[in-house]
Protein backbone atom coordinates (compact mmCIF):
# COMPACT_ATOMS: atom_id res chain seq x y z
CA MET A 1 10.90 -11.57 -20.11
CA SER A 2 11.30 -7.98 -18.89
CA SER A 3 13.87 -5.81 -20.62
CA LEU A 4 14.18 -3.75 -17.40
CA ALA A 5 17.27 -4.90 -15.52
CA GLY A 6 16.58 -5.93 -11.94
CA VAL A 7 13.14 -7.46 -12.61
CA THR A 8 12.59 -11.19 -11.98
CA PRO A 9 10.25 -12.47 -14.72
CA PHE A 10 7.56 -15.13 -14.41
CA PRO A 11 8.92 -18.44 -15.81
CA PRO A 12 7.65 -19.09 -19.38
CA ASP A 13 5.63 -22.19 -18.42
CA PHE A 14 3.78 -20.27 -15.69
CA ALA A 15 3.19 -17.30 -18.00
CA ALA A 16 1.73 -19.64 -20.63
CA ARG A 17 -0.57 -21.22 -18.02
CA TYR A 18 -1.81 -17.85 -16.76
CA ARG A 19 -2.58 -16.74 -20.31
CA ALA A 20 -4.32 -20.01 -21.16
CA ARG A 21 -6.55 -19.68 -18.09
CA GLY A 22 -7.54 -16.11 -18.98
CA TYR A 23 -5.82 -14.31 -16.09
CA TRP A 24 -3.46 -12.41 -18.35
CA GLU A 25 -5.11 -10.66 -21.30
CA ASP A 26 -2.01 -8.96 -22.78
CA VAL A 27 -3.61 -5.51 -22.70
CA PRO A 28 -1.34 -2.88 -21.07
CA LEU A 29 -2.93 -1.21 -18.06
CA GLY A 30 -2.95 2.27 -19.61
CA ARG A 31 -4.66 1.08 -22.78
CA PHE A 32 -7.12 -1.03 -20.79
CA TYR A 33 -8.27 1.99 -18.77
CA ALA A 34 -8.39 4.31 -21.77
CA GLY A 35 -11.01 1.90 -23.10
CA VAL A 36 -12.76 1.73 -19.71
CA PHE A 37 -13.01 5.54 -19.49
CA ALA A 38 -14.35 5.75 -23.05
CA SER A 39 -17.04 3.16 -22.34
CA HIS A 40 -18.60 5.00 -19.38
CA GLY A 41 -19.23 8.36 -21.09
CA ASP A 42 -20.75 11.09 -18.94
CA ARG A 43 -21.17 9.07 -15.73
CA VAL A 44 -19.42 10.68 -12.76
CA ALA A 45 -16.09 8.94 -12.16
CA MET A 46 -14.50 10.96 -9.38
CA VAL A 47 -15.52 13.45 -6.71
CA SER A 48 -13.05 15.68 -4.86
CA GLY A 49 -14.47 18.45 -2.71
CA SER A 50 -16.92 20.36 -4.90
CA GLU A 51 -15.35 19.03 -8.11
CA ARG A 52 -17.13 16.25 -10.02
CA VAL A 53 -15.25 14.63 -12.92
CA THR A 54 -17.04 12.53 -15.54
CA TYR A 55 -15.47 9.58 -17.31
CA SER A 56 -15.32 11.62 -20.52
CA GLU A 57 -13.43 14.38 -18.70
CA LEU A 58 -11.18 11.84 -16.99
CA ARG A 59 -10.31 10.24 -20.32
CA GLU A 60 -9.58 13.62 -21.94
CA ARG A 61 -7.42 14.88 -19.03
CA VAL A 62 -5.39 11.68 -18.79
CA ALA A 63 -4.74 11.74 -22.56
CA ARG A 64 -3.84 15.45 -22.51
CA LEU A 65 -1.39 14.97 -19.65
CA ALA A 66 0.10 11.89 -21.33
CA LEU A 67 0.73 13.94 -24.49
CA HIS A 68 2.46 16.66 -22.46
CA LEU A 69 4.64 14.02 -20.78
CA LEU A 70 5.41 12.56 -24.20
CA GLY A 71 6.54 16.03 -25.26
CA LEU A 72 8.79 16.17 -22.17
CA GLY A 73 10.51 13.00 -23.37
CA VAL A 74 8.83 10.38 -21.18
CA VAL A 75 9.23 6.91 -22.71
CA PRO A 76 8.28 3.34 -21.70
CA LEU A 77 10.11 2.02 -18.60
CA ASP A 78 11.00 5.51 -17.31
CA ARG A 79 10.61 5.46 -13.52
CA TRP A 80 8.78 8.23 -11.67
CA VAL A 81 8.63 8.76 -7.91
CA VAL A 82 5.04 9.90 -7.30
CA GLN A 83 4.36 11.60 -3.96
CA LEU A 84 0.88 13.07 -4.28
CA PRO A 85 -1.98 12.94 -1.76
CA ASN A 86 -5.62 12.02 -2.44
CA ILE A 87 -6.23 14.64 -5.13
CA PRO A 88 -7.44 14.34 -8.76
CA GLU A 89 -3.93 15.13 -10.03
CA PHE A 90 -2.73 11.81 -8.60
CA VAL A 91 -5.33 9.98 -10.71
CA TYR A 92 -4.53 11.94 -13.89
CA LEU A 93 -0.79 11.39 -13.53
CA TYR A 94 -1.04 7.71 -12.59
CA PHE A 95 -3.07 6.80 -15.66
CA ALA A 96 -1.08 9.15 -17.94
CA LEU A 97 2.17 7.43 -16.95
CA GLU A 98 0.50 4.06 -17.56
CA GLN A 99 -0.55 5.12 -21.07
CA LEU A 100 3.12 5.82 -21.82
CA GLY A 101 4.41 2.63 -20.20
CA ALA A 102 6.32 4.65 -17.59
CA ILE A 103 6.50 3.16 -14.09
CA PRO A 104 5.27 5.12 -11.06
CA ILE A 105 6.90 4.41 -7.67
CA MET A 106 4.23 4.84 -5.02
CA ALA A 107 5.75 7.07 -2.34
CA LEU A 108 3.58 8.17 0.57
CA ALA A 109 2.89 11.75 1.66
CA GLY A 110 4.64 11.05 4.97
CA HIS A 111 7.93 10.01 3.36
CA ARG A 112 10.90 12.37 3.66
CA TRP A 113 14.50 12.48 2.41
CA ASN A 114 15.47 9.15 3.97
CA GLU A 115 12.89 7.21 1.94
CA ILE A 116 12.57 9.39 -1.19
CA ASN A 117 16.33 9.43 -1.76
CA SER A 118 16.48 5.63 -1.46
CA PHE A 119 13.69 5.23 -4.03
CA PHE A 120 15.71 7.27 -6.53
CA GLU A 121 18.89 5.32 -5.72
CA LEU A 122 17.17 1.93 -6.06
CA SER A 123 15.19 2.69 -9.21
CA GLY A 124 17.23 5.20 -11.20
CA ALA A 125 14.03 7.25 -11.53
CA ASN A 126 14.22 10.34 -13.76
CA GLY A 127 10.89 11.95 -12.80
CA TYR A 128 9.40 13.20 -9.55
CA ALA A 129 5.86 14.41 -8.85
CA VAL A 130 5.15 16.05 -5.51
CA THR A 131 2.79 18.68 -4.11
CA GLU A 132 4.06 22.05 -2.92
CA MET A 133 2.98 21.16 0.63
CA LEU A 134 2.60 17.70 2.17
CA GLY A 135 0.43 18.56 5.15
CA ASP A 136 2.47 21.23 6.95
CA PHE A 137 5.73 20.16 5.27
CA ASP A 138 7.08 22.51 2.57
CA THR A 139 8.68 20.30 -0.10
CA GLN A 140 10.98 22.95 -1.66
CA ALA A 141 14.06 21.92 0.34
CA LEU A 142 13.40 18.23 -0.39
CA ILE A 143 13.11 18.96 -4.13
CA ALA A 144 16.40 20.86 -4.02
CA GLN A 145 18.09 17.92 -2.26
CA ILE A 146 16.81 15.50 -4.90
CA ARG A 147 18.00 17.73 -7.74
CA GLU A 148 21.46 18.01 -6.18
CA ALA A 149 21.84 14.30 -5.40
CA HIS A 150 20.35 12.86 -8.61
CA SER A 151 21.52 14.52 -11.81
CA GLY A 152 19.50 12.07 -13.90
CA VAL A 153 16.18 13.55 -12.74
CA ARG A 154 14.90 15.31 -15.87
CA THR A 155 11.40 16.34 -14.80
CA ILE A 156 9.88 17.48 -11.52
CA LEU A 157 6.15 18.20 -11.57
CA SER A 158 4.11 19.83 -8.83
CA ALA A 159 0.36 19.39 -8.54
CA GLN A 160 0.06 23.02 -9.65
CA THR A 161 2.13 22.31 -12.78
CA ILE A 162 -0.10 19.35 -13.61
CA ARG A 163 -3.15 21.62 -13.35
CA GLU A 164 -1.49 24.18 -15.63
CA LEU A 165 -0.63 21.50 -18.21
CA LEU A 166 -4.23 20.34 -18.22
CA ARG A 167 -5.45 23.91 -18.82
CA SER A 168 -3.07 24.48 -21.72
CA SER A 169 -4.51 24.24 -25.21
CA ALA A 170 -2.13 21.69 -26.71
CA PRO A 171 -3.96 19.85 -29.51
CA LEU A 172 -5.00 16.31 -28.68
CA ASP A 173 -3.60 13.89 -31.24
CA ALA A 174 -4.51 10.48 -29.86
CA ARG A 175 -2.54 8.83 -32.67
CA LEU A 176 0.68 9.79 -30.86
CA LEU A 177 -0.48 7.79 -27.83
CA ASP A 178 -1.62 4.88 -29.98
CA ALA A 179 1.89 4.71 -31.42
CA VAL A 180 3.46 4.13 -27.97
CA GLU A 181 4.24 0.42 -27.63
CA VAL A 182 3.89 -0.95 -24.09
CA ASP A 183 4.80 -4.57 -23.33
CA PRO A 184 2.14 -6.06 -21.02
CA ASP A 185 4.82 -8.27 -19.40
CA GLU A 186 6.77 -5.21 -18.22
CA PRO A 187 6.23 -3.62 -14.78
CA CYS A 188 3.47 -1.01 -14.71
CA ILE A 189 4.09 0.07 -11.11
CA LEU A 190 6.65 -0.26 -8.32
CA GLN A 191 4.73 -0.66 -5.08
CA LEU A 192 6.43 -0.47 -1.66
CA SER A 193 6.99 -3.40 0.67
CA GLY A 194 6.62 -3.21 4.42
CA GLY A 195 10.17 -4.57 4.41
CA THR A 196 11.98 -5.74 7.52
CA THR A 197 15.42 -4.65 6.34
CA GLY A 198 15.98 -0.93 5.95
CA VAL A 199 13.74 1.25 3.81
CA PRO A 200 10.93 -0.40 1.79
CA LYS A 201 11.83 -2.68 -1.11
CA LEU A 202 10.29 -1.97 -4.54
CA ILE A 203 7.68 -4.43 -5.81
CA PRO A 204 7.42 -4.75 -9.60
CA ARG A 205 3.85 -5.50 -10.67
CA THR A 206 3.35 -6.19 -14.37
CA ASN A 207 0.61 -4.77 -16.57
CA ASN A 208 -0.85 -8.25 -16.94
CA ASP A 209 -0.86 -9.15 -13.28
CA TYR A 210 -2.08 -5.78 -12.00
CA VAL A 211 -5.11 -5.64 -14.30
CA TYR A 212 -6.03 -9.16 -13.19
CA ASN A 213 -5.42 -8.24 -9.52
CA THR A 214 -8.08 -5.52 -9.76
CA LYS A 215 -10.61 -7.64 -11.63
CA ALA A 216 -10.24 -10.52 -9.17
CA ALA A 217 -10.70 -8.21 -6.16
CA ALA A 218 -13.74 -6.50 -7.68
CA ALA A 219 -15.33 -9.87 -8.42
CA VAL A 220 -15.64 -10.69 -4.68
CA ASN A 221 -16.45 -7.13 -3.53
CA ASP A 222 -20.03 -6.69 -4.87
CA VAL A 223 -19.24 -3.61 -6.97
CA HIS A 224 -21.92 -2.24 -9.31
CA ALA A 225 -22.13 0.77 -11.63
CA ASP A 226 -24.18 2.87 -9.19
CA ASP A 227 -21.84 2.24 -6.25
CA CYS A 228 -19.48 4.71 -4.62
CA LEU A 229 -16.11 4.13 -2.92
CA LEU A 230 -14.72 6.44 -0.26
CA VAL A 231 -10.93 6.84 -0.62
CA ALA A 232 -9.70 7.97 2.81
CA LEU A 233 -6.55 5.83 3.00
CA PRO A 234 -3.50 7.14 1.07
CA ILE A 235 -4.41 6.45 -2.56
CA ALA A 236 -0.86 5.29 -3.35
CA HIS A 237 -1.39 2.20 -1.21
CA ASN A 238 -2.14 -1.00 -3.11
CA PHE A 239 -5.47 -1.41 -1.25
CA PRO A 240 -7.27 1.84 -2.29
CA LEU A 241 -5.51 1.91 -5.67
CA ALA A 242 -6.25 -1.56 -6.98
CA CYS A 243 -7.81 -4.01 -4.46
CA PRO A 244 -10.32 -3.20 -5.93
CA GLY A 245 -9.85 0.50 -5.06
CA ILE A 246 -10.33 3.23 -7.63
CA SER A 247 -9.18 0.88 -10.39
CA GLY A 248 -11.95 -1.63 -9.68
CA PHE A 249 -14.63 1.02 -9.28
CA PHE A 250 -13.59 2.73 -12.53
CA TRP A 251 -13.71 -0.66 -14.30
CA LYS A 252 -17.33 -1.02 -13.19
CA GLY A 253 -18.26 2.57 -14.10
CA ALA A 254 -18.82 3.47 -10.43
CA ARG A 255 -17.73 6.59 -8.50
CA ALA A 256 -14.71 7.22 -6.26
CA VAL A 257 -14.83 10.01 -3.68
CA LEU A 258 -11.39 11.30 -2.67
CA THR A 259 -10.65 12.91 0.67
CA GLU A 260 -7.32 14.15 2.00
CA SER A 261 -8.60 13.97 5.58
CA PRO A 262 -9.40 10.63 7.23
CA ARG A 263 -10.83 12.44 10.32
CA ALA A 264 -14.27 11.25 11.41
CA ASP A 265 -15.61 14.84 11.35
CA ASP A 266 -14.77 15.00 7.63
CA VAL A 267 -15.52 11.41 6.59
CA LEU A 268 -18.90 10.79 8.23
CA PRO A 269 -20.61 13.79 6.56
CA LEU A 270 -19.11 12.66 3.22
CA ILE A 271 -20.64 9.20 3.65
CA GLU A 272 -24.05 10.80 4.17
CA ARG A 273 -23.80 13.36 1.39
CA GLU A 274 -22.34 11.12 -1.33
CA ARG A 275 -24.27 7.98 -0.33
CA ILE A 276 -21.04 5.98 -0.04
CA THR A 277 -21.57 2.22 -0.51
CA HIS A 278 -18.02 0.89 0.06
CA LEU A 279 -15.38 1.77 2.66
CA GLU A 280 -11.75 0.58 2.52
CA LEU A 281 -10.16 1.19 5.92
CA VAL A 282 -7.50 0.06 8.33
CA PRO A 283 -8.87 -1.10 11.71
CA ALA A 284 -7.61 2.02 13.51
CA LEU A 285 -9.83 4.25 11.34
CA LEU A 286 -12.88 2.01 11.60
CA ILE A 287 -12.52 1.92 15.41
CA ARG A 288 -12.28 5.70 15.45
CA TYR A 289 -15.39 6.14 13.27
CA ILE A 290 -17.68 3.76 15.16
CA ASN A 291 -16.74 5.35 18.50
CA THR A 292 -17.20 8.96 17.38
CA PRO A 293 -19.76 10.79 19.55
CA GLY A 294 -23.08 11.11 17.72
CA VAL A 295 -22.22 8.52 15.05
CA THR A 296 -25.46 6.58 15.58
CA GLU A 297 -27.49 9.72 14.79
CA ARG A 298 -26.06 9.92 11.28
CA ASP A 299 -27.60 8.34 8.19
CA LEU A 300 -25.03 5.70 7.28
CA SER A 301 -27.57 3.38 5.65
CA SER A 302 -25.98 3.61 2.18
CA VAL A 303 -22.86 1.63 3.22
CA ARG A 304 -23.05 -2.03 2.15
CA VAL A 305 -19.44 -3.21 2.35
CA ILE A 306 -16.70 -2.27 4.83
CA ASN A 307 -13.32 -3.69 3.80
CA THR A 308 -10.59 -3.67 6.41
CA GLY A 309 -6.98 -4.65 5.89
CA GLY A 310 -3.47 -4.00 7.14
CA GLN A 311 -3.92 -5.69 10.50
CA LYS A 312 -6.23 -8.15 12.24
CA LEU A 313 -9.69 -6.87 13.16
CA GLN A 314 -11.27 -8.24 16.32
CA PRO A 315 -14.73 -9.88 16.07
CA GLU A 316 -16.28 -7.50 18.61
CA VAL A 317 -15.21 -4.51 16.47
CA LYS A 318 -16.84 -6.13 13.42
CA ARG A 319 -20.08 -6.61 15.35
CA ARG A 320 -20.07 -3.01 16.58
CA ALA A 321 -19.38 -1.74 13.04
CA GLU A 322 -22.32 -3.69 11.65
CA SER A 323 -24.62 -2.13 14.25
CA VAL A 324 -23.39 1.41 13.51
CA PHE A 325 -23.61 0.85 9.73
CA PRO A 326 -26.99 -0.96 9.72
CA ASN A 327 -26.90 -2.26 6.11
CA ALA A 328 -23.19 -3.11 5.94
CA ARG A 329 -21.16 -6.27 6.15
CA VAL A 330 -17.56 -6.11 7.32
CA GLN A 331 -15.39 -7.96 4.79
CA GLU A 332 -11.87 -8.47 6.10
CA VAL A 333 -9.05 -8.53 3.54
CA PHE A 334 -5.62 -10.06 3.95
CA GLY A 335 -3.60 -8.51 1.16
CA MET A 336 -0.03 -7.70 0.29
CA ALA A 337 1.43 -5.27 -2.22
CA GLU A 338 3.55 -8.25 -3.32
CA GLY A 339 0.40 -9.84 -4.76
CA LEU A 340 -1.77 -12.36 -2.92
CA LEU A 341 -5.25 -11.19 -1.93
CA MET A 342 -7.52 -13.05 0.47
CA PHE A 343 -11.07 -11.80 1.01
CA VAL A 344 -13.70 -13.07 3.40
CA ARG A 345 -16.71 -13.72 1.14
CA LEU A 346 -19.80 -11.66 1.79
CA ASP A 347 -21.93 -14.81 1.92
CA ASP A 348 -19.67 -16.63 4.39
CA SER A 349 -21.38 -17.60 7.66
CA GLU A 350 -21.23 -15.02 10.45
CA GLU A 351 -18.76 -17.17 12.39
CA VAL A 352 -16.41 -17.40 9.40
CA ARG A 353 -16.76 -13.69 8.56
CA PHE A 354 -15.97 -12.63 12.11
CA GLU A 355 -13.18 -15.12 12.86
CA THR A 356 -11.11 -15.33 9.64
CA ALA A 357 -9.16 -13.13 7.22
CA GLY A 358 -10.55 -14.74 4.06
CA ARG A 359 -9.31 -17.03 1.32
CA PRO A 360 -7.51 -16.39 -1.99
CA VAL A 361 -9.36 -14.63 -4.82
CA CYS A 362 -7.88 -16.94 -7.49
CA LYS A 363 -7.93 -20.73 -7.67
CA ASP A 364 -4.35 -20.61 -9.02
CA ASP A 365 -3.08 -18.84 -5.89
CA GLU A 366 -0.86 -21.61 -4.52
CA ILE A 367 -0.68 -21.51 -0.71
CA LEU A 368 1.74 -23.38 1.53
CA ILE A 369 1.77 -23.13 5.34
CA VAL A 370 5.20 -24.33 6.48
CA ASP A 371 7.39 -24.79 9.55
CA GLU A 372 10.89 -23.39 10.16
CA ASP A 373 12.38 -25.93 7.74
CA ARG A 374 9.78 -25.01 5.07
CA ASN A 375 7.99 -28.34 5.44
CA PRO A 376 4.17 -28.17 5.25
CA VAL A 377 2.47 -28.22 8.66
CA PRO A 378 -0.67 -30.33 9.35
CA ASP A 379 -3.95 -28.63 8.48
CA GLY A 380 -5.03 -26.21 11.22
CA GLU A 381 -1.55 -25.71 12.67
CA VAL A 382 0.29 -22.38 12.59
CA GLY A 383 3.09 -21.87 10.07
CA GLU A 384 4.57 -19.32 7.71
CA LEU A 385 2.59 -18.38 4.59
CA LEU A 386 4.34 -19.12 1.28
CA VAL A 387 2.61 -18.17 -1.97
CA ARG A 388 2.97 -18.03 -5.73
CA GLY A 389 0.35 -17.23 -8.34
CA PRO A 390 -0.67 -15.19 -11.39
CA TYR A 391 -0.36 -11.79 -9.64
CA THR A 392 2.29 -12.44 -6.96
CA LEU A 393 5.81 -11.17 -7.67
CA ARG A 394 8.76 -13.47 -8.39
CA GLY A 395 11.35 -11.07 -6.95
CA TYR A 396 11.76 -7.57 -5.51
CA TYR A 397 13.32 -4.99 -7.79
CA ASN A 398 17.10 -4.90 -8.02
CA VAL A 399 17.96 -6.82 -4.81
CA PRO A 400 19.19 -10.29 -5.93
CA GLU A 401 20.77 -11.24 -2.59
CA TYR A 402 17.58 -10.43 -0.68
CA ASN A 403 15.49 -12.32 -3.26
CA ALA A 404 17.65 -15.43 -2.81
CA ARG A 405 16.61 -15.50 0.86
CA THR A 406 12.98 -14.50 0.37
CA PHE A 407 11.90 -16.82 -2.46
CA THR A 408 12.18 -20.60 -2.65
CA PRO A 409 13.91 -22.20 -5.67
CA GLU A 410 10.39 -23.09 -6.88
CA GLY A 411 9.36 -19.42 -6.89
CA PHE A 412 7.26 -19.30 -3.72
CA TYR A 413 7.34 -15.95 -1.87
CA CYS A 414 8.13 -16.43 1.83
CA SER A 415 5.85 -13.81 3.36
CA GLY A 416 6.92 -13.94 7.01
CA ASP A 417 3.21 -13.96 7.97
CA LEU A 418 2.10 -16.68 10.40
CA MET A 419 -1.27 -18.23 9.55
CA ARG A 420 -3.39 -21.34 9.99
CA ARG A 421 -6.13 -22.79 7.86
CA HIS A 422 -9.65 -22.65 9.30
CA PRO A 423 -11.94 -25.70 8.72
CA SER A 424 -14.00 -23.50 6.35
CA GLY A 425 -11.01 -23.18 3.98
CA ASN A 426 -10.44 -19.56 5.01
CA TYR A 427 -7.27 -18.53 6.85
CA ILE A 428 -6.60 -16.95 10.25
CA VAL A 429 -3.66 -14.58 10.77
CA GLU A 430 -1.65 -15.49 13.87
CA GLY A 431 1.16 -12.92 13.73
CA ARG A 432 4.39 -12.63 11.79
CA LYS A 433 8.01 -13.69 11.73
CA LYS A 434 9.07 -10.34 10.34
CA ASP A 435 10.65 -7.68 12.51
CA LEU A 436 7.94 -5.11 11.84
CA ILE A 437 5.86 -2.69 13.86
CA ASN A 438 2.32 -2.50 12.44
CA ARG A 439 1.18 1.03 13.32
CA GLY A 440 -2.42 1.32 12.16
CA GLY A 441 -1.68 -0.71 9.04
CA GLU A 442 1.58 1.09 8.20
CA LYS A 443 4.40 -1.49 8.42
CA ILE A 444 7.58 0.01 9.89
CA SER A 445 10.91 -1.80 9.66
CA ALA A 446 12.50 -1.94 13.11
CA GLU A 447 15.93 -2.32 11.49
CA GLU A 448 15.57 0.92 9.51
CA ILE A 449 14.83 2.91 12.70
CA GLU A 450 17.49 1.11 14.73
CA ASN A 451 20.19 1.93 12.16
CA LEU A 452 19.32 5.63 12.37
CA ILE A 453 19.17 5.63 16.19
CA LEU A 454 22.59 3.95 16.34
CA SER A 455 24.05 7.02 14.61
CA HIS A 456 23.08 9.21 17.60
CA PRO A 457 26.22 10.10 19.59
CA ALA A 458 24.62 9.10 22.92
CA VAL A 459 23.50 5.62 21.82
CA LEU A 460 25.50 2.43 22.40
CA ASN A 461 22.83 -0.05 21.29
CA VAL A 462 19.12 -0.10 20.53
CA ALA A 463 16.19 -2.43 19.87
CA CYS A 464 12.83 -1.21 18.55
CA VAL A 465 9.76 -3.29 19.39
CA PRO A 466 5.98 -2.96 19.13
CA MET A 467 3.91 -1.94 22.15
CA PRO A 468 0.14 -2.46 22.30
CA ASP A 469 -2.21 0.41 21.46
CA PRO A 470 -6.03 0.22 21.66
CA VAL A 471 -6.57 2.22 18.47
CA LEU A 472 -3.55 1.71 16.20
CA GLY A 473 -2.87 -1.87 17.30
CA GLU A 474 0.83 -1.16 17.79
CA ARG A 475 3.16 1.77 18.36
CA MET A 476 6.95 1.72 18.53
CA CYS A 477 9.05 1.61 21.68
CA ALA A 478 12.83 2.08 21.48
CA PHE A 479 14.94 0.29 24.13
CA VAL A 480 18.24 2.18 24.22
CA ILE A 481 21.53 1.45 26.00
CA PRO A 482 23.17 4.88 26.36
CA LYS A 483 26.93 5.31 26.08
CA PRO A 484 28.72 5.63 29.45
CA GLY A 485 28.06 9.03 31.00
CA ARG A 486 25.37 9.90 28.40
CA THR A 487 21.58 9.98 28.58
CA LEU A 488 18.73 10.59 26.16
CA THR A 489 15.11 11.78 26.15
CA LEU A 490 12.33 10.85 23.73
CA GLN A 491 12.06 14.46 22.54
CA VAL A 492 15.80 14.69 21.79
CA LEU A 493 15.69 11.35 19.97
CA THR A 494 12.66 12.18 17.82
CA SER A 495 14.12 15.60 16.93
CA PHE A 496 17.33 13.85 15.84
CA LEU A 497 15.42 11.36 13.66
CA THR A 498 13.28 14.11 12.15
CA GLU A 499 16.43 16.01 11.16
CA LYS A 500 17.65 12.79 9.50
CA GLY A 501 14.63 12.98 7.22
CA LEU A 502 12.60 10.18 8.80
CA ALA A 503 8.85 10.10 8.16
CA LYS A 504 6.84 11.25 11.17
CA PHE A 505 4.75 8.05 11.41
CA LYS A 506 7.96 6.04 11.88
CA LEU A 507 9.15 7.91 14.99
CA PRO A 508 9.40 5.96 18.27
CA GLU A 509 6.60 6.94 20.67
CA ARG A 510 8.20 5.61 23.85
CA LEU A 511 11.81 5.42 25.02
CA GLU A 512 13.09 2.93 27.58
CA LEU A 513 16.68 3.40 28.79
CA THR A 514 18.31 0.15 29.83
CA ASP A 515 21.72 -1.22 30.89
CA ASP A 516 21.41 -4.34 28.75
CA LEU A 517 19.33 -6.05 26.07
CA PRO A 518 18.21 -9.66 26.63
CA LEU A 519 19.61 -12.22 24.16
CA SER A 520 18.12 -15.37 22.67
CA LYS A 521 19.97 -18.70 22.67
CA PHE A 522 21.20 -17.77 19.17
CA GLY A 523 22.78 -14.57 20.51
CA LYS A 524 20.19 -12.24 18.93
CA VAL A 525 18.28 -9.60 20.87
CA ALA A 526 15.22 -11.33 22.37
CA LYS A 527 12.65 -8.85 21.15
CA ASN A 528 9.79 -11.01 22.42
CA VAL A 529 11.07 -10.39 25.97
CA LEU A 530 11.23 -6.62 25.39
CA THR A 531 7.76 -6.60 23.82
CA LYS A 532 6.39 -8.37 26.89
CA GLN A 533 8.22 -5.96 29.24
CA VAL A 534 6.79 -2.82 27.65
CA ALA A 535 3.28 -4.33 27.44
CA GLU A 536 3.41 -5.10 31.20
CA LYS A 537 4.61 -1.55 31.95
CA ILE A 538 1.78 -0.05 29.93
CA GLN A 539 -0.76 -2.29 31.64
CA ALA A 540 0.64 -1.39 35.07
C-alpha cells in the first residue's frame, strides 16, 4: 500500500502472487542499480560524444550526486520534474533520485509552460531539473514562471549545476545512502501517458514493477555484455529508458551510446564507429534512415536487432530495413508507459515477424479483447485491448474520476487500442478508440489542442484530426469554424498556440476553415468523416 496519496495500489492478493512467482524482488530500483554498477567494474557503460564513462565512474557519480541531493533536503517520495535531453547528466540524476526514493516525472525536451506547469500542479513536485537551452529555446523565462507559480519548488538544477556538483570534492560517505529507506512498493517514476483528455496523465510505476519490466524486456531482446544500444529517441520515454533501454543494457553490463540528434547524418556514422548492435526507433526515424542517400555504402553490419514502437510498421519497411542492415532482424514492440509490453520474438517465422506486433513478455500479463460492452470477442476479431499484470498500473496518479472510467472493477486497464489475435498467438494492432494523433510515435491529445484553439478570439468551434503522412504516419489538421466576420490562417493560429506555451510538435500542420462540423448519430463531431475528407484532399 503506497503512502503517497493519489496512487492506486496493487490489491494484496495480486501483490502476493507476483512476489511468489518471482516477478517482484522487493529491491528498490536505486539500490538494485547501485549493485549492478558495482558488479561491472571498469567496463564502459555510457558514451556521449567523446566522453566514455565506465561503470565504476557511473556508480561514483550517481552516489556523489545523490549525497548532494540528500544535503539539499531531498527525501523519499519527493517529486521532481526532469526535463533533460540525451546527456549523461540525465542518467546521473535519474539514478541519484532513485537511490533516494525520490520520484522523477519524465518531461520531454519539447514541453513548454502548458505541460510543465500542469505536471507541477498534478504532482506537487518540489524539484525541477532542466538544461539552460532546450534546442533553440532558452529556459530562463520558463524557470522564472515556475518559481512564481509554485512556491513549493525548493530546488532547480541545471545541467551545468549537476556538472559542478559532480566536480565538487564533497566526501563520499556511502553509509548515508545506505541509511535511506525506500519502500519497493512505492512509485519510482511518474511516466507520461499519451492521454486523450487534456495534457498527459501521470503514470505511477513502482520500484518492484519497473525493475521487472526491464528484466522481462531484456530477456526477449538478445542483449549480451558486449552489445551496444544507440539512444536516439528522447531518453525520458519509457522505451529507451526501460524497455529494455539503458536500464536493460546496464543490467547486462553492455554499453549505451547517447545522441541528442536523431538526424541520419549524425546517427549512421555513430552506428559505424561504435559498432552499435541494437536500435530502438519509431517508424518515422527508421524510414528516414533506410532511405538516406548513400546508406547502402555504409558498414551497418554490427546491427543485430532493430526495435520499433510507437506506431505500426508496415511489412515492406521491415523488409527494406533488413536489406539495408544486412545482419539485423526487425523486432516490433507494442508497448505502453502504463505497463504492458508485447515483443515479436526474434525466432518467430518471417510471416509472423512482419505481420504482427508481438505477444506479452510475461505469462501473467492478462489480455482481454472486448467489444463496446466489454464482452470478449471471438478469437481473431477486432476489439479493445484490456490488460492487467505484474507491471501494468492500477490507476493514473491523482485522477480518481478518470480512473473510474478507464479501469474495470476487476482492475483491467482499458487501453483504447484496437487489436486482434493472430493464429500464432501474437497480436495485430488495428487502430485505436482514443482521440489521439500519433505523430511519429508522439501521441497528441486532440482535446488538449482543441481547448487551446477555442480560446482564440476568431474561433467558434474546432475539431483536430489526424491526416496521413508518409514519414510520420500522421500529422494534425485543425478544422475550424470561424466566428462571423472573422478568419484565420495557419501561421496566425500556430503563433497563438506557441505563445500559449504549447510544445512545437503538438502544433497543427494544416488548417481547414469550414462552415460546419459533421455530427454522429450521438451528436458528437464525426471525426472519422473529417479524417476521410482531409485524406482525400491530400491525395487529390
